[in-house]
Amino acid sequence: MSFDNLGNTHFNEEQKTVIFEALQLAIVNLEGMSANLSPKERSKYGKVVPDAGTIDR
């Protein structure tokens, strides 16, 4: 199955500006919701990703 016109559609400058402003607003609004872990907490909780052995292939 082939893909026709893949990559032929692009954002214009106005669309890029609107998207950028929306992302900036989301970042500002989410800023207070993130948790900053201390180095001790970081070593306790580690990574949030699964081990490589548990990924279904």
PDB file of N, CA and C in Angstrom:
ATOM      1  N   MET A   1       0.854  -1.182   0.000  1.00  0.00           N
ATOM      2  CA  MET A   1       0.000   0.000   0.000  1.00  0.00           C
ATOM      3  C   MET A   1       0.895   1.239   0.000  1.00  0.00           C
ATOM      4  N   SER A   2       0.726   2.082  -0.951  1.00  0.00           N
ATOM      5  CA  SER A   2       1.548   3.288  -1.051  1.00  0.00           C
ATOM      6  C   SER A   2       0.822   4.477  -0.432  1.00  0.00           C
ATOM      7  N   PHE A   3       1.594   5.442  -0.027  1.00  0.00           N
ATOM      8  CA  PHE A   3       1.054   6.678   0.540  1.00  0.00           C
ATOM      9  C   PHE A   3       1.192   7.782  -0.497  1.00  0.00           C
ATOM     10  N   ASP A   4       0.083   8.359  -0.883  1.00  0.00           N
ATOM     11  CA  ASP A   4       0.126   9.455  -1.837  1.00  0.00           C
ATOM     12  C   ASP A   4       0.195  10.783  -1.100  1.00  0.00           C
ATOM     13  N   ASN A   5       0.967  11.710  -1.619  1.00  0.00           N
ATOM     14  CA  ASN A   5       1.079  13.065  -1.083  1.00  0.00           C
ATOM     15  C   ASN A   5       1.570  13.101   0.359  1.00  0.00           C
ATOM     16  N   LEU A   6       2.369  12.127   0.753  1.00  0.00           N
ATOM     17  CA  LEU A   6       2.905  12.115   2.109  1.00  0.00           C
ATOM     18  C   LEU A   6       3.913  13.257   2.268  1.00  0.00           C
ATOM     19  N   GLY A   7       3.642  14.158   3.151  1.00  0.00           N
ATOM     20  CA  GLY A   7       4.544  15.273   3.388  1.00  0.00           C
ATOM     21  C   GLY A   7       4.327  16.465   2.493  1.00  0.00           C
ATOM     22  N   ASN A   8       3.262  16.486   1.727  1.00  0.00           N
ATOM     23  CA  ASN A   8       3.011  17.621   0.847  1.00  0.00           C
ATOM     24  C   ASN A   8       2.228  18.732   1.528  1.00  0.00           C
ATOM     25  N   THR A   9       1.706  18.487   2.707  1.00  0.00           N
ATOM     26  CA  THR A   9       0.934  19.489   3.423  1.00  0.00           C
ATOM     27  C   THR A   9       1.817  20.105   4.502  1.00  0.00           C
ATOM     28  N   HIS A  10       1.896  21.417   4.527  1.00  0.00           N
ATOM     29  CA  HIS A  10       2.758  22.111   5.484  1.00  0.00           C
ATOM     30  C   HIS A  10       1.958  23.178   6.212  1.00  0.00           C
ATOM     31  N   PHE A  11       2.421  23.522   7.414  1.00  0.00           N
ATOM     32  CA  PHE A  11       1.806  24.605   8.172  1.00  0.00           C
ATOM     33  C   PHE A  11       2.291  25.938   7.623  1.00  0.00           C
ATOM     34  N   ASN A  12       1.380  26.914   7.545  1.00  0.00           N
ATOM     35  CA  ASN A  12       1.818  28.254   7.162  1.00  0.00           C
ATOM     36  C   ASN A  12       2.299  28.980   8.428  1.00  0.00           C
ATOM     37  N   GLU A  13       2.840  30.160   8.268  1.00  0.00           N
ATOM     38  CA  GLU A  13       3.426  30.875   9.405  1.00  0.00           C
ATOM     39  C   GLU A  13       2.399  31.194  10.483  1.00  0.00           C
ATOM     40  N   GLU A  14       1.178  31.552  10.082  1.00  0.00           N
ATOM     41  CA  GLU A  14       0.132  31.867  11.055  1.00  0.00           C
ATOM     42  C   GLU A  14      -0.224  30.627  11.878  1.00  0.00           C
ATOM     43  N   GLN A  15      -0.327  29.485  11.236  1.00  0.00           N
ATOM     44  CA  GLN A  15      -0.627  28.246  11.946  1.00  0.00           C
ATOM     45  C   GLN A  15       0.494  27.876  12.908  1.00  0.00           C
ATOM     46  N   LYS A  16       1.742  28.043  12.470  1.00  0.00           N
ATOM     47  CA  LYS A  16       2.894  27.763  13.335  1.00  0.00           C
ATOM     48  C   LYS A  16       2.861  28.651  14.568  1.00  0.00           C
ATOM     49  N   THR A  17       2.510  29.926  14.389  1.00  0.00           N
ATOM     50  CA  THR A  17       2.447  30.867  15.508  1.00  0.00           C
ATOM     51  C   THR A  17       1.358  30.456  16.492  1.00  0.00           C
ATOM     52  N   VAL A  18       0.189  30.097  15.992  1.00  0.00           N
ATOM     53  CA  VAL A  18      -0.922  29.682  16.857  1.00  0.00           C
ATOM     54  C   VAL A  18      -0.542  28.426  17.638  1.00  0.00           C
ATOM     55  N   ILE A  19       0.070  27.460  16.976  1.00  0.00           N
ATOM     56  CA  ILE A  19       0.484  26.221  17.640  1.00  0.00           C
ATOM     57  C   ILE A  19       1.535  26.516  18.699  1.00  0.00           C
ATOM     58  N   PHE A  20       2.521  27.338  18.372  1.00  0.00           N
ATOM     59  CA  PHE A  20       3.578  27.685  19.324  1.00  0.00           C
ATOM     60  C   PHE A  20       3.001  28.373  20.556  1.00  0.00           C
ATOM     61  N   GLU A  21       2.088  29.312  20.345  1.00  0.00           N
ATOM     62  CA  GLU A  21       1.481  30.024  21.473  1.00  0.00           C
ATOM     63  C   GLU A  21       0.656  29.072  22.333  1.00  0.00           C
ATOM     64  N   ALA A  22      -0.048  28.133  21.722  1.00  0.00           N
ATOM     65  CA  ALA A  22      -0.830  27.157  22.474  1.00  0.00           C
ATOM     66  C   ALA A  22       0.079  26.250  23.303  1.00  0.00           C
ATOM     67  N   LEU A  23       1.200  25.844  22.725  1.00  0.00           N
ATOM     68  CA  LEU A  23       2.148  25.016  23.467  1.00  0.00           C
ATOM     69  C   LEU A  23       2.760  25.776  24.637  1.00  0.00           C
ATOM     70  N   GLN A  24       3.087  27.047  24.415  1.00  0.00           N
ATOM     71  CA  GLN A  24       3.636  27.858  25.495  1.00  0.00           C
ATOM     72  C   GLN A  24       2.630  28.005  26.632  1.00  0.00           C
ATOM     73  N   LEU A  25       1.361  28.205  26.289  1.00  0.00           N
ATOM     74  CA  LEU A  25       0.311  28.317  27.292  1.00  0.00           C
ATOM     75  C   LEU A  25       0.168  27.011  28.063  1.00  0.00           C
ATOM     76  N   ALA A  26       0.232  25.883  27.376  1.00  0.00           N
ATOM     77  CA  ALA A  26       0.148  24.583  28.043  1.00  0.00           C
ATOM     78  C   ALA A  26       1.324  24.387  28.990  1.00  0.00           C
ATOM     79  N   ILE A  27       2.517  24.772  28.573  1.00  0.00           N
ATOM     80  CA  ILE A  27       3.703  24.634  29.418  1.00  0.00           C
ATOM     81  C   ILE A  27       3.558  25.478  30.677  1.00  0.00           C
ATOM     82  N   VAL A  28       3.106  26.708  30.519  1.00  0.00           N
ATOM     83  CA  VAL A  28       2.926  27.596  31.668  1.00  0.00           C
ATOM     84  C   VAL A  28       1.899  27.023  32.636  1.00  0.00           C
ATOM     85  N   ASN A  29       0.787  26.502  32.115  1.00  0.00           N
ATOM     86  CA  ASN A  29      -0.269  25.974  32.970  1.00  0.00           C
ATOM     87  C   ASN A  29       0.110  24.657  33.638  1.00  0.00           C
ATOM     88  N   LEU A  30       0.993  23.887  33.034  1.00  0.00           N
ATOM     89  CA  LEU A  30       1.399  22.605  33.605  1.00  0.00           C
ATOM     90  C   LEU A  30       2.610  22.717  34.517  1.00  0.00           C
ATOM     91  N   GLU A  31       3.255  23.875  34.514  1.00  0.00           N
ATOM     92  CA  GLU A  31       4.485  24.061  35.270  1.00  0.00           C
ATOM     93  C   GLU A  31       4.337  23.709  36.747  1.00  0.00           C
ATOM     94  N   GLY A  32       3.259  24.136  37.375  1.00  0.00           N
ATOM     95  CA  GLY A  32       3.073  23.878  38.796  1.00  0.00           C
ATOM     96  C   GLY A  32       2.664  22.461  39.119  1.00  0.00           C
ATOM     97  N   MET A  33       2.369  21.665  38.114  1.00  0.00           N
ATOM     98  CA  MET A  33       1.904  20.306  38.345  1.00  0.00           C
ATOM     99  C   MET A  33       3.025  19.277  38.316  1.00  0.00           C
ATOM    100  N   SER A  34       4.204  19.667  37.927  1.00  0.00           N
ATOM    101  CA  SER A  34       5.310  18.711  37.865  1.00  0.00           C
ATOM    102  C   SER A  34       5.969  18.588  39.231  1.00  0.00           C
ATOM    103  N   ALA A  35       6.455  17.406  39.520  1.00  0.00           N
ATOM    104  CA  ALA A  35       7.106  17.157  40.797  1.00  0.00           C
ATOM    105  C   ALA A  35       8.617  17.175  40.600  1.00  0.00           C
ATOM    106  N   ASN A  36       9.293  17.923  41.435  1.00  0.00           N
ATOM    107  CA  ASN A  36      10.746  17.933  41.421  1.00  0.00           C
ATOM    108  C   ASN A  36      11.229  16.977  42.507  1.00  0.00           C
ATOM    109  N   LEU A  37      11.912  15.929  42.081  1.00  0.00           N
ATOM    110  CA  LEU A  37      12.409  14.944  43.025  1.00  0.00           C
ATOM    111  C   LEU A  37      13.788  15.325  43.528  1.00  0.00           C
ATOM    112  N   SER A  38      14.025  15.036  44.792  1.00  0.00           N
ATOM    113  CA  SER A  38      15.362  15.227  45.342  1.00  0.00           C
ATOM    114  C   SER A  38      16.249  14.106  44.798  1.00  0.00           C
ATOM    115  N   PRO A  39      17.567  14.252  44.891  1.00  0.00           N
ATOM    116  CA  PRO A  39      18.442  13.170  44.420  1.00  0.00           C
ATOM    117  C   PRO A  39      18.139  11.838  45.118  1.00  0.00           C
ATOM    118  N   LYS A  40      17.780  11.878  46.404  1.00  0.00           N
ATOM    119  CA  LYS A  40      17.455  10.652  47.139  1.00  0.00           C
ATOM    120  C   LYS A  40      16.180  10.020  46.578  1.00  0.00           C
ATOM    121  N   GLU A  41      15.156  10.847  46.315  1.00  0.00           N
ATOM    122  CA  GLU A  41      13.912  10.334  45.750  1.00  0.00           C
ATOM    123  C   GLU A  41      14.143   9.792  44.338  1.00  0.00           C
ATOM    124  N   ARG A  42      15.002  10.473  43.589  1.00  0.00           N
ATOM    125  CA  ARG A  42      15.291  10.053  42.221  1.00  0.00           C
ATOM    126  C   ARG A  42      15.925   8.672  42.203  1.00  0.00           C
ATOM    127  N   SER A  43      16.845   8.424  43.133  1.00  0.00           N
ATOM    128  CA  SER A  43      17.480   7.105  43.179  1.00  0.00           C
ATOM    129  C   SER A  43      16.507   6.051  43.708  1.00  0.00           C
ATOM    130  N   LYS A  44      15.571   6.459  44.566  1.00  0.00           N
ATOM    131  CA  LYS A  44      14.575   5.517  45.106  1.00  0.00           C
ATOM    132  C   LYS A  44      13.591   5.089  44.024  1.00  0.00           C
ATOM    133  N   TYR A  45      13.066   6.038  43.269  1.00  0.00           N
ATOM    134  CA  TYR A  45      12.042   5.734  42.282  1.00  0.00           C
ATOM    135  C   TYR A  45      12.610   5.332  40.928  1.00  0.00           C
ATOM    136  N   GLY A  46      13.785   5.781  40.614  1.00  0.00           N
ATOM    137  CA  GLY A  46      14.417   5.403  39.357  1.00  0.00           C
ATOM    138  C   GLY A  46      13.646   5.851  38.134  1.00  0.00           C
ATOM    139  N   LYS A  47      13.760   5.080  37.062  1.00  0.00           N
ATOM    140  CA  LYS A  47      13.092   5.404  35.805  1.00  0.00           C
ATOM    141  C   LYS A  47      11.660   4.890  35.814  1.00  0.00           C
ATOM    142  N   VAL A  48      10.828   5.524  35.002  1.00  0.00           N
ATOM    143  CA  VAL A  48       9.427   5.151  34.912  1.00  0.00           C
ATOM    144  C   VAL A  48       9.171   4.279  33.690  1.00  0.00           C
ATOM    145  N   VAL A  49      10.210   3.973  32.939  1.00  0.00           N
ATOM    146  CA  VAL A  49      10.052   3.156  31.738  1.00  0.00           C
ATOM    147  C   VAL A  49      10.207   1.685  32.097  1.00  0.00           C
ATOM    148  N   PRO A  50       9.571   0.789  31.341  1.00  0.00           N
ATOM    149  CA  PRO A  50       9.711  -0.642  31.627  1.00  0.00           C
ATOM    150  C   PRO A  50      11.105  -1.139  31.297  1.00  0.00           C
ATOM    151  N   ASP A  51      11.466  -2.259  31.888  1.00  0.00           N
ATOM    152  CA  ASP A  51      12.751  -2.882  31.564  1.00  0.00           C
ATOM    153  C   ASP A  51      12.735  -3.359  30.127  1.00  0.00           C
ATOM    154  N   ALA A  52      13.902  -3.414  29.502  1.00  0.00           N
ATOM    155  CA  ALA A  52      13.988  -3.835  28.108  1.00  0.00           C
ATOM    156  C   ALA A  52      13.481  -5.264  27.933  1.00  0.00           C
ATOM    157  N   GLY A  53      13.603  -6.099  28.959  1.00  0.00           N
ATOM    158  CA  GLY A  53      13.162  -7.487  28.868  1.00  0.00           C
ATOM    159  C   GLY A  53      11.654  -7.635  28.897  1.00  0.00           C
ATOM    160  N   THR A  54      10.921  -6.609  29.329  1.00  0.00           N
ATOM    161  CA  THR A  54       9.480  -6.742  29.451  1.00  0.00           C
ATOM    162  C   THR A  54       8.715  -6.159  28.266  1.00  0.00           C
ATOM    163  N   ILE A  55       9.421  -5.595  27.306  1.00  0.00           N
ATOM    164  CA  ILE A  55       8.769  -4.991  26.144  1.00  0.00           C
ATOM    165  C   ILE A  55       8.350  -6.092  25.182  1.00  0.00           C
ATOM    166  N   ASP A  56       7.091  -6.092  24.788  1.00  0.00           N
ATOM    167  CA  ASP A  56       6.612  -7.074  23.813  1.00  0.00           C
ATOM    168  C   ASP A  56       7.197  -6.758  22.449  1.00  0.00           C
ATOM    169  N   ARG A  57       7.645  -7.760  21.783  1.00  0.00           N
ATOM    170  CA  ARG A  57       8.231  -7.562  20.453  1.00  0.00           C
ATOM    171  C   ARG A  57       7.482  -8.347  19.431  1.00  0.00           C
TER     172      ARG A  57
END
